[in-house]
PDB file of N, CA and C in Angstrom:
ATOM      1  N   LYS A   1      17.287   9.472  17.855  1.00  0.00           N
ATOM      2  CA  LYS A   1      16.878   9.791  16.412  1.00  0.00           C
ATOM      3  C   LYS A   1      15.696  10.743  16.422  1.00  0.00           C
ATOM      4  N   ASP A   2      15.896  11.644  15.642  1.00  0.00           N
ATOM      5  CA  ASP A   2      15.006  12.793  15.559  1.00  0.00           C
ATOM      6  C   ASP A   2      14.012  12.493  14.287  1.00  0.00           C
ATOM      7  N   VAL A   3      12.749  12.212  14.487  1.00  0.00           N
ATOM      8  CA  VAL A   3      11.822  12.066  13.437  1.00  0.00           C
ATOM      9  C   VAL A   3      10.937  13.477  13.400  1.00  0.00           C
ATOM     10  N   SER A   4      11.126  14.131  12.271  1.00  0.00           N
ATOM     11  CA  SER A   4      10.401  15.524  12.270  1.00  0.00           C
ATOM     12  C   SER A   4       8.823  15.280  11.969  1.00  0.00           C
ATOM     13  N   LEU A   5       8.546  14.197  11.468  1.00  0.00           N
ATOM     14  CA  LEU A   5       7.120  14.047  11.123  1.00  0.00           C
ATOM     15  C   LEU A   5       6.488  13.049  12.133  1.00  0.00           C
ATOM     16  N   ASN A   6       5.444  13.414  12.742  1.00  0.00           N
ATOM     17  CA  ASN A   6       4.678  12.552  13.808  1.00  0.00           C
ATOM     18  C   ASN A   6       3.374  12.505  13.385  1.00  0.00           C
ATOM     19  N   LEU A   7       2.927  11.391  12.971  1.00  0.00           N
ATOM     20  CA  LEU A   7       1.421  11.225  12.587  1.00  0.00           C
ATOM     21  C   LEU A   7       0.512  11.106  13.776  1.00  0.00           C
ATOM     22  N   ASN A   8       1.094  11.001  15.066  1.00  0.00           N
ATOM     23  CA  ASN A   8       0.376  11.147  16.137  1.00  0.00           C
ATOM     24  C   ASN A   8      -0.998  10.372  16.402  1.00  0.00           C
ATOM     25  N   GLY A   9      -1.016   9.180  16.229  1.00  0.00           N
ATOM     26  CA  GLY A   9      -2.045   8.354  16.439  1.00  0.00           C
ATOM     27  C   GLY A   9      -3.084   8.299  15.249  1.00  0.00           C
ATOM     28  N   SER A  10      -2.597   8.787  14.000  1.00  0.00           N
ATOM     29  CA  SER A  10      -3.553   8.611  12.728  1.00  0.00           C
ATOM     30  C   SER A  10      -3.657   7.121  12.461  1.00  0.00           C
ATOM     31  N   HIS A  11      -4.730   6.671  11.846  1.00  0.00           N
ATOM     32  CA  HIS A  11      -4.956   5.390  11.412  1.00  0.00           C
ATOM     33  C   HIS A  11      -5.128   5.401   9.797  1.00  0.00           C
ATOM     34  N   PHE A  12      -4.506   4.413   9.234  1.00  0.00           N
ATOM     35  CA  PHE A  12      -4.518   4.369   7.755  1.00  0.00           C
ATOM     36  C   PHE A  12      -5.018   2.959   7.247  1.00  0.00           C
ATOM     37  N   GLN A  13      -5.686   2.922   6.155  1.00  0.00           N
ATOM     38  CA  GLN A  13      -6.176   1.705   5.384  1.00  0.00           C
ATOM     39  C   GLN A  13      -4.944   1.694   4.530  1.00  0.00           C
ATOM     40  N   VAL A  14      -4.231   0.579   4.421  1.00  0.00           N
ATOM     41  CA  VAL A  14      -3.078   0.325   3.641  1.00  0.00           C
ATOM     42  C   VAL A  14      -3.431  -0.983   2.553  1.00  0.00           C
ATOM     43  N   GLY A  15      -3.435  -0.541   1.282  1.00  0.00           N
ATOM     44  CA  GLY A  15      -3.820  -1.598   0.382  1.00  0.00           C
ATOM     45  C   GLY A  15      -2.570  -2.480  -0.072  1.00  0.00           C
ATOM     46  N   VAL A  16      -2.940  -3.773  -0.216  1.00  0.00           N
ATOM     47  CA  VAL A  16      -1.784  -4.754  -0.479  1.00  0.00           C
ATOM     48  C   VAL A  16      -2.360  -5.567  -1.622  1.00  0.00           C
ATOM     49  N   LEU A  17      -1.355  -6.205  -2.333  1.00  0.00           N
ATOM     50  CA  LEU A  17      -1.717  -7.133  -3.277  1.00  0.00           C
ATOM     51  C   LEU A  17      -0.561  -8.226  -3.246  1.00  0.00           C
ATOM     52  N   MET A  18      -0.921  -9.516  -3.242  1.00  0.00           N
ATOM     53  CA  MET A  18       0.131 -10.461  -2.933  1.00  0.00           C
ATOM     54  C   MET A  18       1.210 -10.561  -4.086  1.00  0.00           C
ATOM     55  N   GLU A  19       2.465 -10.311  -3.918  1.00  0.00           N
ATOM     56  CA  GLU A  19       3.633 -10.583  -4.763  1.00  0.00           C
ATOM     57  C   GLU A  19       4.931 -10.819  -3.945  1.00  0.00           C
ATOM     58  N   THR A  20       5.432 -12.000  -4.018  1.00  0.00           N
ATOM     59  CA  THR A  20       6.538 -12.327  -3.265  1.00  0.00           C
ATOM     60  C   THR A  20       7.804 -11.577  -3.949  1.00  0.00           C
ATOM     61  N   PRO A  21       8.689 -10.994  -3.138  1.00  0.00           N
ATOM     62  CA  PRO A  21       8.832 -11.009  -1.677  1.00  0.00           C
ATOM     63  C   PRO A  21       8.259  -9.737  -0.999  1.00  0.00           C
ATOM     64  N   PHE A  22       7.374  -8.949  -1.780  1.00  0.00           N
ATOM     65  CA  PHE A  22       6.903  -7.743  -1.362  1.00  0.00           C
ATOM     66  C   PHE A  22       5.821  -7.841  -0.285  1.00  0.00           C
ATOM     67  N   VAL A  23       4.819  -8.646  -0.649  1.00  0.00           N
ATOM     68  CA  VAL A  23       3.618  -8.959   0.203  1.00  0.00           C
ATOM     69  C   VAL A  23       3.234 -10.381   0.120  1.00  0.00           C
ATOM     70  N   ILE A  24       3.374 -11.137   1.257  1.00  0.00           N
ATOM     71  CA  ILE A  24       3.073 -12.566   1.251  1.00  0.00           C
ATOM     72  C   ILE A  24       1.971 -12.871   2.375  1.00  0.00           C
ATOM     73  N   LYS A  25       1.002 -13.451   1.926  1.00  0.00           N
ATOM     74  CA  LYS A  25      -0.081 -13.958   2.980  1.00  0.00           C
ATOM     75  C   LYS A  25       0.521 -15.012   3.758  1.00  0.00           C
ATOM     76  N   ASP A  26       0.409 -14.848   5.136  1.00  0.00           N
ATOM     77  CA  ASP A  26       1.142 -15.700   6.068  1.00  0.00           C
ATOM     78  C   ASP A  26       0.118 -16.276   7.228  1.00  0.00           C
ATOM     79  N   GLU A  27      -0.866 -16.984   6.605  1.00  0.00           N
ATOM     80  CA  GLU A  27      -1.918 -17.475   7.526  1.00  0.00           C
ATOM     81  C   GLU A  27      -1.436 -18.518   8.458  1.00  0.00           C
ATOM     82  N   ALA A  28      -0.408 -19.250   8.147  1.00  0.00           N
ATOM     83  CA  ALA A  28       0.058 -20.270   8.978  1.00  0.00           C
ATOM     84  C   ALA A  28       0.446 -19.954  10.247  1.00  0.00           C
ATOM     85  N   ASN A  29       1.139 -18.718  10.397  1.00  0.00           N
ATOM     86  CA  ASN A  29       1.652 -18.094  11.590  1.00  0.00           C
ATOM     87  C   ASN A  29       0.785 -17.078  12.252  1.00  0.00           C
ATOM     88  N   CYS A  30      -0.580 -17.109  12.072  1.00  0.00           N
ATOM     89  CA  CYS A  30      -1.501 -16.131  12.525  1.00  0.00           C
ATOM     90  C   CYS A  30      -2.754 -16.844  12.984  1.00  0.00           C
ATOM     91  N   THR A  31      -3.404 -16.119  13.922  1.00  0.00           N
ATOM     92  CA  THR A  31      -4.773 -16.646  14.297  1.00  0.00           C
ATOM     93  C   THR A  31      -5.618 -15.361  14.227  1.00  0.00           C
ATOM     94  N   GLY A  32      -6.947 -15.726  13.917  1.00  0.00           N
ATOM     95  CA  GLY A  32      -7.947 -14.617  13.746  1.00  0.00           C
ATOM     96  C   GLY A  32      -8.011 -13.943  12.375  1.00  0.00           C
ATOM     97  N   THR A  33      -7.284 -12.960  12.177  1.00  0.00           N
ATOM     98  CA  THR A  33      -7.468 -12.315  10.868  1.00  0.00           C
ATOM     99  C   THR A  33      -6.176 -12.624  10.032  1.00  0.00           C
ATOM    100  N   PRO A  34      -6.266 -12.520   8.586  1.00  0.00           N
ATOM    101  CA  PRO A  34      -5.111 -12.877   7.762  1.00  0.00           C
ATOM    102  C   PRO A  34      -3.972 -11.931   8.153  1.00  0.00           C
ATOM    103  N   CYS A  35      -2.786 -12.566   8.116  1.00  0.00           N
ATOM    104  CA  CYS A  35      -1.594 -11.935   8.395  1.00  0.00           C
ATOM    105  C   CYS A  35      -0.676 -11.854   7.132  1.00  0.00           C
ATOM    106  N   TYR A  36       0.248 -10.957   7.074  1.00  0.00           N
ATOM    107  CA  TYR A  36       1.104 -10.642   5.984  1.00  0.00           C
ATOM    108  C   TYR A  36       2.464 -10.589   6.473  1.00  0.00           C
ATOM    109  N   ARG A  37       3.464 -10.877   5.542  1.00  0.00           N
ATOM    110  CA  ARG A  37       4.827 -10.572   5.713  1.00  0.00           C
ATOM    111  C   ARG A  37       5.419 -10.188   4.375  1.00  0.00           C
ATOM    112  N   GLY A  38       6.523  -9.697   4.571  1.00  0.00           N
ATOM    113  CA  GLY A  38       7.238  -9.317   3.265  1.00  0.00           C
ATOM    114  C   GLY A  38       7.786  -7.860   3.247  1.00  0.00           C
ATOM    115  N   TYR A  39       8.603  -7.532   2.395  1.00  0.00           N
ATOM    116  CA  TYR A  39       9.379  -6.245   2.377  1.00  0.00           C
ATOM    117  C   TYR A  39       8.391  -5.103   2.424  1.00  0.00           C
ATOM    118  N   CYS A  40       7.212  -4.988   1.801  1.00  0.00           N
ATOM    119  CA  CYS A  40       6.343  -3.848   2.033  1.00  0.00           C
ATOM    120  C   CYS A  40       5.660  -3.762   3.250  1.00  0.00           C
ATOM    121  N   VAL A  41       5.443  -4.957   3.829  1.00  0.00           N
ATOM    122  CA  VAL A  41       4.656  -5.126   5.151  1.00  0.00           C
ATOM    123  C   VAL A  41       5.700  -4.682   6.338  1.00  0.00           C
ATOM    124  N   ASP A  42       6.851  -5.007   6.104  1.00  0.00           N
ATOM    125  CA  ASP A  42       8.021  -4.591   7.047  1.00  0.00           C
ATOM    126  C   ASP A  42       8.253  -3.174   7.002  1.00  0.00           C
ATOM    127  N   LEU A  43       8.148  -2.538   5.815  1.00  0.00           N
ATOM    128  CA  LEU A  43       8.490  -1.144   5.614  1.00  0.00           C
ATOM    129  C   LEU A  43       7.217  -0.381   6.237  1.00  0.00           C
ATOM    130  N   ILE A  44       5.923  -0.731   6.096  1.00  0.00           N
ATOM    131  CA  ILE A  44       4.883   0.040   6.635  1.00  0.00           C
ATOM    132  C   ILE A  44       4.928  -0.213   8.174  1.00  0.00           C
ATOM    133  N   ALA A  45       5.270  -1.403   8.732  1.00  0.00           N
ATOM    134  CA  ALA A  45       5.418  -1.516  10.163  1.00  0.00           C
ATOM    135  C   ALA A  45       6.503  -0.587  10.724  1.00  0.00           C
ATOM    136  N   ARG A  46       7.564  -0.484  10.003  1.00  0.00           N
ATOM    137  CA  ARG A  46       8.652   0.383  10.532  1.00  0.00           C
ATOM    138  C   ARG A  46       8.214   1.849  10.401  1.00  0.00           C
ATOM    139  N   LEU A  47       7.521   2.373   9.390  1.00  0.00           N
ATOM    140  CA  LEU A  47       7.052   3.660   9.287  1.00  0.00           C
ATOM    141  C   LEU A  47       6.029   3.984  10.328  1.00  0.00           C
ATOM    142  N   ALA A  48       5.128   3.048  10.644  1.00  0.00           N
ATOM    143  CA  ALA A  48       4.104   3.251  11.769  1.00  0.00           C
ATOM    144  C   ALA A  48       4.746   3.367  13.003  1.00  0.00           C
ATOM    145  N   ARG A  49       5.807   2.593  13.240  1.00  0.00           N
ATOM    146  CA  ARG A  49       6.491   2.702  14.614  1.00  0.00           C
ATOM    147  C   ARG A  49       7.124   4.030  14.743  1.00  0.00           C
ATOM    148  N   ASP A  50       7.937   4.441  13.627  1.00  0.00           N
ATOM    149  CA  ASP A  50       8.666   5.701  13.821  1.00  0.00           C
ATOM    150  C   ASP A  50       7.835   6.879  13.685  1.00  0.00           C
ATOM    151  N   LEU A  51       6.721   6.888  12.979  1.00  0.00           N
ATOM    152  CA  LEU A  51       5.912   8.154  12.683  1.00  0.00           C
ATOM    153  C   LEU A  51       4.546   8.022  13.596  1.00  0.00           C
ATOM    154  N   HIS A  52       4.458   7.055  14.519  1.00  0.00           N
ATOM    155  CA  HIS A  52       3.428   6.967  15.481  1.00  0.00           C
ATOM    156  C   HIS A  52       1.971   6.973  14.770  1.00  0.00           C
ATOM    157  N   PHE A  53       1.840   5.925  13.983  1.00  0.00           N
ATOM    158  CA  PHE A  53       0.493   5.766  13.472  1.00  0.00           C
ATOM    159  C   PHE A  53       0.069   4.259  13.293  1.00  0.00           C
ATOM    160  N   THR A  54      -1.212   3.960  13.162  1.00  0.00           N
ATOM    161  CA  THR A  54      -1.633   2.539  13.262  1.00  0.00           C
ATOM    162  C   THR A  54      -2.308   2.406  11.789  1.00  0.00           C
ATOM    163  N   TYR A  55      -2.483   1.036  11.477  1.00  0.00           N
ATOM    164  CA  TYR A  55      -2.975   0.760  10.069  1.00  0.00           C
ATOM    165  C   TYR A  55      -3.583  -0.596  10.067  1.00  0.00           C
ATOM    166  N   ASN A  56      -4.441  -0.884   9.102  1.00  0.00           N
ATOM    167  CA  ASN A  56      -4.991  -2.042   8.674  1.00  0.00           C
ATOM    168  C   ASN A  56      -4.522  -2.406   7.333  1.00  0.00           C
ATOM    169  N   LEU A  57      -4.175  -3.680   6.995  1.00  0.00           N
ATOM    170  CA  LEU A  57      -3.811  -3.876   5.652  1.00  0.00           C
ATOM    171  C   LEU A  57      -5.053  -4.488   5.059  1.00  0.00           C
ATOM    172  N   VAL A  58      -5.232  -3.935   3.857  1.00  0.00           N
ATOM    173  CA  VAL A  58      -6.504  -4.369   3.137  1.00  0.00           C
ATOM    174  C   VAL A  58      -6.150  -4.857   1.641  1.00  0.00           C
ATOM    175  N   GLU A  59      -6.606  -6.012   1.308  1.00  0.00           N
ATOM    176  CA  GLU A  59      -6.347  -6.489   0.024  1.00  0.00           C
ATOM    177  C   GLU A  59      -7.203  -5.829  -0.978  1.00  0.00           C
ATOM    178  N   SER A  60      -6.552  -5.758  -2.270  1.00  0.00           N
ATOM    179  CA  SER A  60      -7.241  -5.107  -3.368  1.00  0.00           C
ATOM    180  C   SER A  60      -8.664  -5.807  -3.671  1.00  0.00           C
ATOM    181  N   ASP A  61      -9.571  -4.968  -3.856  1.00  0.00           N
ATOM    182  CA  ASP A  61     -10.942  -5.448  -4.046  1.00  0.00           C
ATOM    183  C   ASP A  61     -11.101  -6.527  -5.226  1.00  0.00           C
ATOM    184  N   ASP A  62     -10.342  -6.375  -6.247  1.00  0.00           N
ATOM    185  CA  ASP A  62     -10.533  -7.190  -7.372  1.00  0.00           C
ATOM    186  C   ASP A  62      -9.232  -7.939  -7.691  1.00  0.00           C
ATOM    187  N   GLY A  63      -8.233  -7.867  -6.882  1.00  0.00           N
ATOM    188  CA  GLY A  63      -7.100  -8.671  -7.132  1.00  0.00           C
ATOM    189  C   GLY A  63      -6.097  -7.974  -8.090  1.00  0.00           C
ATOM    190  N   LYS A  64      -6.326  -6.690  -8.488  1.00  0.00           N
ATOM    191  CA  LYS A  64      -5.688  -6.062  -9.649  1.00  0.00           C
ATOM    192  C   LYS A  64      -4.804  -4.840  -9.065  1.00  0.00           C
ATOM    193  N   TRP A  65      -3.853  -4.618  -9.747  1.00  0.00           N
ATOM    194  CA  TRP A  65      -2.921  -3.469  -9.403  1.00  0.00           C
ATOM    195  C   TRP A  65      -3.641  -2.026  -9.668  1.00  0.00           C
ATOM    196  N   GLY A  66      -4.145  -2.025 -10.879  1.00  0.00           N
ATOM    197  CA  GLY A  66      -4.706  -0.592 -11.221  1.00  0.00           C
ATOM    198  C   GLY A  66      -4.477  -0.311 -12.577  1.00  0.00           C
ATOM    199  N   GLY A  67      -5.461  -0.685 -13.497  1.00  0.00           N
ATOM    200  CA  GLY A  67      -5.434  -0.550 -14.968  1.00  0.00           C
ATOM    201  C   GLY A  67      -6.569   0.492 -15.260  1.00  0.00           C
ATOM    202  N   TYR A  68      -6.308   1.267 -16.354  1.00  0.00           N
ATOM    203  CA  TYR A  68      -7.166   2.150 -16.834  1.00  0.00           C
ATOM    204  C   TYR A  68      -7.927   1.528 -17.971  1.00  0.00           C
ATOM    205  N   ASP A  69      -9.277   1.915 -18.029  1.00  0.00           N
ATOM    206  CA  ASP A  69     -10.144   1.503 -19.154  1.00  0.00           C
ATOM    207  C   ASP A  69     -10.414   2.725 -20.042  1.00  0.00           C
ATOM    208  N   ASN A  70      -9.848   3.058 -21.185  1.00  0.00           N
ATOM    209  CA  ASN A  70     -10.309   4.166 -21.889  1.00  0.00           C
ATOM    210  C   ASN A  70     -11.657   4.267 -22.320  1.00  0.00           C
ATOM    211  N   LYS A  71     -12.378   3.251 -22.585  1.00  0.00           N
ATOM    212  CA  LYS A  71     -13.681   3.324 -23.041  1.00  0.00           C
ATOM    213  C   LYS A  71     -14.685   3.690 -21.888  1.00  0.00           C
ATOM    214  N   THR A  72     -14.399   3.375 -20.644  1.00  0.00           N
ATOM    215  CA  THR A  72     -15.285   3.709 -19.656  1.00  0.00           C
ATOM    216  C   THR A  72     -14.802   4.853 -18.843  1.00  0.00           C
ATOM    217  N   ASP A  73     -13.466   5.255 -19.145  1.00  0.00           N
ATOM    218  CA  ASP A  73     -12.793   6.291 -18.243  1.00  0.00           C
ATOM    219  C   ASP A  73     -12.752   5.944 -16.749  1.00  0.00           C
ATOM    220  N   THR A  74     -12.311   4.637 -16.428  1.00  0.00           N
ATOM    221  CA  THR A  74     -12.343   4.311 -15.075  1.00  0.00           C
ATOM    222  C   THR A  74     -11.141   3.386 -14.756  1.00  0.00           C
ATOM    223  N   TRP A  75     -10.917   3.329 -13.530  1.00  0.00           N
ATOM    224  CA  TRP A  75      -9.701   2.546 -13.027  1.00  0.00           C
ATOM    225  C   TRP A  75     -10.234   1.369 -12.323  1.00  0.00           C
ATOM    226  N   ASP A  76      -9.259   0.353 -12.328  1.00  0.00           N
ATOM    227  CA  ASP A  76      -9.687  -0.868 -11.259  1.00  0.00           C
ATOM    228  C   ASP A  76      -8.574  -0.986 -10.353  1.00  0.00           C
ATOM    229  N   GLY A  77      -8.591  -2.014  -9.493  1.00  0.00           N
ATOM    230  CA  GLY A  77      -7.387  -2.410  -8.618  1.00  0.00           C
ATOM    231  C   GLY A  77      -7.174  -1.405  -7.542  1.00  0.00           C
ATOM    232  N   LEU A  78      -5.979  -1.370  -7.071  1.00  0.00           N
ATOM    233  CA  LEU A  78      -5.584  -0.507  -5.929  1.00  0.00           C
ATOM    234  C   LEU A  78      -5.618   0.957  -6.340  1.00  0.00           C
ATOM    235  N   VAL A  79      -5.313   1.180  -7.575  1.00  0.00           N
ATOM    236  CA  VAL A  79      -5.519   2.675  -8.036  1.00  0.00           C
ATOM    237  C   VAL A  79      -6.887   3.124  -7.737  1.00  0.00           C
ATOM    238  N   LYS A  80      -7.891   2.423  -8.206  1.00  0.00           N
ATOM    239  CA  LYS A  80      -9.341   2.903  -7.937  1.00  0.00           C
ATOM    240  C   LYS A  80      -9.492   2.962  -6.481  1.00  0.00           C
ATOM    241  N   MET A  81      -8.992   2.020  -5.614  1.00  0.00           N
ATOM    242  CA  MET A  81      -9.221   2.176  -4.321  1.00  0.00           C
ATOM    243  C   MET A  81      -8.601   3.275  -3.675  1.00  0.00           C
ATOM    244  N   LEU A  82      -7.535   3.802  -4.266  1.00  0.00           N
ATOM    245  CA  LEU A  82      -6.876   5.105  -3.770  1.00  0.00           C
ATOM    246  C   LEU A  82      -7.847   6.303  -4.291  1.00  0.00           C
ATOM    247  N   ILE A  83      -8.245   6.204  -5.389  1.00  0.00           N
ATOM    248  CA  ILE A  83      -9.017   7.331  -5.945  1.00  0.00           C
ATOM    249  C   ILE A  83     -10.314   7.480  -5.173  1.00  0.00           C
ATOM    250  N   ASP A  84     -11.021   6.306  -4.851  1.00  0.00           N
ATOM    251  CA  ASP A  84     -12.209   6.204  -4.206  1.00  0.00           C
ATOM    252  C   ASP A  84     -12.023   6.340  -2.663  1.00  0.00           C
ATOM    253  N   LYS A  85     -10.729   6.608  -2.248  1.00  0.00           N
ATOM    254  CA  LYS A  85     -10.502   6.711  -0.875  1.00  0.00           C
ATOM    255  C   LYS A  85     -10.952   5.531   0.105  1.00  0.00           C
ATOM    256  N   LYS A  86     -10.924   4.442  -0.502  1.00  0.00           N
ATOM    257  CA  LYS A  86     -11.058   3.305   0.143  1.00  0.00           C
ATOM    258  C   LYS A  86      -9.813   2.781   1.015  1.00  0.00           C
ATOM    259  N   ILE A  87      -8.662   3.319   0.455  1.00  0.00           N
ATOM    260  CA  ILE A  87      -7.422   3.103   1.184  1.00  0.00           C
ATOM    261  C   ILE A  87      -6.506   4.342   1.221  1.00  0.00           C
ATOM    262  N   ASP A  88      -5.729   4.574   2.089  1.00  0.00           N
ATOM    263  CA  ASP A  88      -4.990   5.753   2.125  1.00  0.00           C
ATOM    264  C   ASP A  88      -3.679   5.619   1.467  1.00  0.00           C
ATOM    265  N   ILE A  89      -2.965   4.452   1.446  1.00  0.00           N
ATOM    266  CA  ILE A  89      -1.661   4.122   1.079  1.00  0.00           C
ATOM    267  C   ILE A  89      -1.866   2.775   0.305  1.00  0.00           C
ATOM    268  N   ALA A  90      -0.961   2.622  -0.753  1.00  0.00           N
ATOM    269  CA  ALA A  90      -0.849   1.239  -1.366  1.00  0.00           C
ATOM    270  C   ALA A  90       0.618   0.878  -1.093  1.00  0.00           C
ATOM    271  N   ALA A  91       0.747  -0.195  -0.240  1.00  0.00           N
ATOM    272  CA  ALA A  91       2.146  -0.638   0.006  1.00  0.00           C
ATOM    273  C   ALA A  91       2.471  -1.777  -0.901  1.00  0.00           C
ATOM    274  N   VAL A  92       2.739  -1.639  -2.011  1.00  0.00           N
ATOM    275  CA  VAL A  92       2.943  -2.574  -3.015  1.00  0.00           C
ATOM    276  C   VAL A  92       4.119  -2.154  -3.952  1.00  0.00           C
ATOM    277  N   HIS A  93       4.581  -3.146  -4.850  1.00  0.00           N
ATOM    278  CA  HIS A  93       5.467  -2.974  -5.885  1.00  0.00           C
ATOM    279  C   HIS A  93       4.766  -2.574  -7.072  1.00  0.00           C
ATOM    280  N   LEU A  94       4.179  -1.285  -7.056  1.00  0.00           N
ATOM    281  CA  LEU A  94       3.419  -0.801  -8.205  1.00  0.00           C
ATOM    282  C   LEU A  94       4.328   0.155  -9.190  1.00  0.00           C
ATOM    283  N   SER A  95       4.112  -0.280 -10.363  1.00  0.00           N
ATOM    284  CA  SER A  95       4.973   0.412 -11.408  1.00  0.00           C
ATOM    285  C   SER A  95       4.386   1.912 -11.550  1.00  0.00           C
ATOM    286  N   ILE A  96       5.322   2.756 -11.604  1.00  0.00           N
ATOM    287  CA  ILE A  96       5.062   4.071 -11.779  1.00  0.00           C
ATOM    288  C   ILE A  96       4.963   4.461 -13.351  1.00  0.00           C
ATOM    289  N   ASN A  97       3.903   5.077 -13.789  1.00  0.00           N
ATOM    290  CA  ASN A  97       3.816   5.450 -15.127  1.00  0.00           C
ATOM    291  C   ASN A  97       3.117   6.838 -15.189  1.00  0.00           C
ATOM    292  N   SER A  98       3.177   7.563 -16.359  1.00  0.00           N
ATOM    293  CA  SER A  98       2.671   8.871 -16.371  1.00  0.00           C
ATOM    294  C   SER A  98       1.185   9.033 -16.164  1.00  0.00           C
ATOM    295  N   LEU A  99       0.397   7.925 -16.720  1.00  0.00           N
ATOM    296  CA  LEU A  99      -0.987   7.974 -16.485  1.00  0.00           C
ATOM    297  C   LEU A  99      -1.432   7.836 -15.097  1.00  0.00           C
ATOM    298  N   ARG A 100      -0.821   6.906 -14.246  1.00  0.00           N
ATOM    299  CA  ARG A 100      -1.089   6.639 -13.014  1.00  0.00           C
ATOM    300  C   ARG A 100      -0.755   8.025 -12.160  1.00  0.00           C
ATOM    301  N   GLU A 101       0.393   8.644 -12.665  1.00  0.00           N
ATOM    302  CA  GLU A 101       0.938   9.784 -11.811  1.00  0.00           C
ATOM    303  C   GLU A 101      -0.084  10.922 -11.964  1.00  0.00           C
ATOM    304  N   ARG A 102      -0.995  10.922 -12.897  1.00  0.00           N
ATOM    305  CA  ARG A 102      -2.083  11.969 -13.067  1.00  0.00           C
ATOM    306  C   ARG A 102      -3.090  11.868 -12.073  1.00  0.00           C
ATOM    307  N   TYR A 103      -3.297  10.609 -11.392  1.00  0.00           N
ATOM    308  CA  TYR A 103      -4.373  10.307 -10.593  1.00  0.00           C
ATOM    309  C   TYR A 103      -3.867  10.107  -9.076  1.00  0.00           C
ATOM    310  N   ILE A 104      -2.605   9.675  -8.843  1.00  0.00           N
ATOM    311  CA  ILE A 104      -2.213   9.163  -7.534  1.00  0.00           C
ATOM    312  C   ILE A 104      -0.800   9.746  -7.347  1.00  0.00           C
ATOM    313  N   ASP A 105      -0.373   9.913  -6.173  1.00  0.00           N
ATOM    314  CA  ASP A 105       1.109  10.324  -5.907  1.00  0.00           C
ATOM    315  C   ASP A 105       1.858   9.036  -5.560  1.00  0.00           C
ATOM    316  N   PHE A 106       3.212   9.247  -5.821  1.00  0.00           N
ATOM    317  CA  PHE A 106       3.975   8.115  -5.636  1.00  0.00           C
ATOM    318  C   PHE A 106       5.216   8.620  -4.812  1.00  0.00           C
ATOM    319  N   THR A 107       5.796   7.754  -4.074  1.00  0.00           N
ATOM    320  CA  THR A 107       7.084   8.025  -3.319  1.00  0.00           C
ATOM    321  C   THR A 107       8.260   7.571  -4.354  1.00  0.00           C
ATOM    322  N   VAL A 108       9.372   8.014  -4.064  1.00  0.00           N
ATOM    323  CA  VAL A 108      10.655   7.591  -4.766  1.00  0.00           C
ATOM    324  C   VAL A 108      10.776   6.102  -4.358  1.00  0.00           C
ATOM    325  N   PRO A 109      11.016   5.139  -5.357  1.00  0.00           N
ATOM    326  CA  PRO A 109      11.120   3.810  -4.883  1.00  0.00           C
ATOM    327  C   PRO A 109      12.284   3.534  -3.911  1.00  0.00           C
ATOM    328  N   SER A 110      11.950   2.819  -2.888  1.00  0.00           N
ATOM    329  CA  SER A 110      12.874   2.618  -1.666  1.00  0.00           C
ATOM    330  C   SER A 110      14.273   2.040  -2.184  1.00  0.00           C
ATOM    331  N   TRP A 111      14.304   1.281  -3.127  1.00  0.00           N
ATOM    332  CA  TRP A 111      15.515   0.661  -3.490  1.00  0.00           C
ATOM    333  C   TRP A 111      16.427   1.630  -4.337  1.00  0.00           C
ATOM    334  N   MET A 112      15.921   2.778  -4.632  1.00  0.00           N
ATOM    335  CA  MET A 112      16.610   3.842  -5.332  1.00  0.00           C
ATOM    336  C   MET A 112      17.280   4.857  -4.289  1.00  0.00           C
ATOM    337  N   LEU A 113      16.923   4.661  -2.931  1.00  0.00           N
ATOM    338  CA  LEU A 113      17.416   5.560  -1.928  1.00  0.00           C
ATOM    339  C   LEU A 113      18.622   5.038  -1.210  1.00  0.00           C
ATOM    340  N   ALA A 114      19.059   3.744  -1.524  1.00  0.00           N
ATOM    341  CA  ALA A 114      20.125   3.153  -0.944  1.00  0.00           C
ATOM    342  C   ALA A 114      21.422   3.672  -1.451  1.00  0.00           C
TER     343      ALA A 114
END
């Protein structure tokens, strides 16, 4: 299999937020640090293997996806973490809307690729 992109040892902080079946905290089957499973976790693991990068999963600072406050002109949640460069990638089931697209980049939803 020819993979044209090789991230050659890059390390990423990957933001997650619990939502079954996409990201599920799985502490029962883990020792030490929190462990996760689910569709988005499997997808990141596969990308890391194929593209040769490592990553840490990081939960949303405030447990939110990313809402915009017009009064303060600020974001919260994973969107804020992306803007503030606390995470490099958000591996979640995050709705795409025109306001978020002004601030962060999205991929084509994976279920649309099949």
